[in-house]
């Protein structure tokens, strides 16, 4: 085993830890680790990320369900549109993006660079949502859920998640809090099930597109991530959720800026 792979597997533990602590953020780490540490091409790395995050989130979601912290009605309401759109993105849209999108005298925008730039922008947006406190809203009889808006948001998040290989938890949790009036702990558990379903369906779209998968690498990376989610669950009981979220938000912001600088100016 190469040293870069060993480091990647160790870092995969932190991918699971973020999911266990925050219910989101795993894909924000998994794609850069797979690309920059383990040397995997970005398009394939997004496929691997979907499998890792989907499987790890499913384990975490089952654990939350045992604690009665999953709203399965909202999993269906939000999840079905997201699953459909992420599958279409991975099966139809991503494979049809040309390897070279455009080229000028001093710059060539490739498919791989575009994916990483969009991913970095999503990271920066997500970091702002993490750093900024979110207020919980509970649904009352007088204030009913806007089902059409929630379904539309599910479609949009599915499209974005499918393109960058992210589970989308960093977008799903705020959506559940703000638009679906879900308490924070319930939003985290519900998000894990939505992330799991859309990520694994998205990965199936990649398999059907004849992607060549290194299953041994993927299995080891996923196992390390699953170990991490149990560590994250344990840590979350000892440290305030808000402090964890803000600290991780600043880390994600710095990583997003680094990726943009690396892809545009150092590659």
Foldseek 3Di string as FASTA:
>chain_A
DDPLLVVLLLVLLVLLLCCLQQLFDSLLRQQCSCCVRVPDQQVVSLLLLLQLLLVLLVVVLVVLVVVVLEDVVLLVLLQPLLQVLLLCLLQPVLVPQAQWNDDDDPDTDGLSLVLLLLSLVVLQVLLVLLQDDADAAADDPVRDAPSVVSSVVSNVQSNSCNSNSGLSLSPQLSCCRPRVRGDNSSSSSNSSSSSNSNSVSSSVSNVVVVDDDPVVSSVSSSVSSNNSSVVSNVVSVVDPSSVVSNVVSVVSNVVSVVSNCCSPPVD
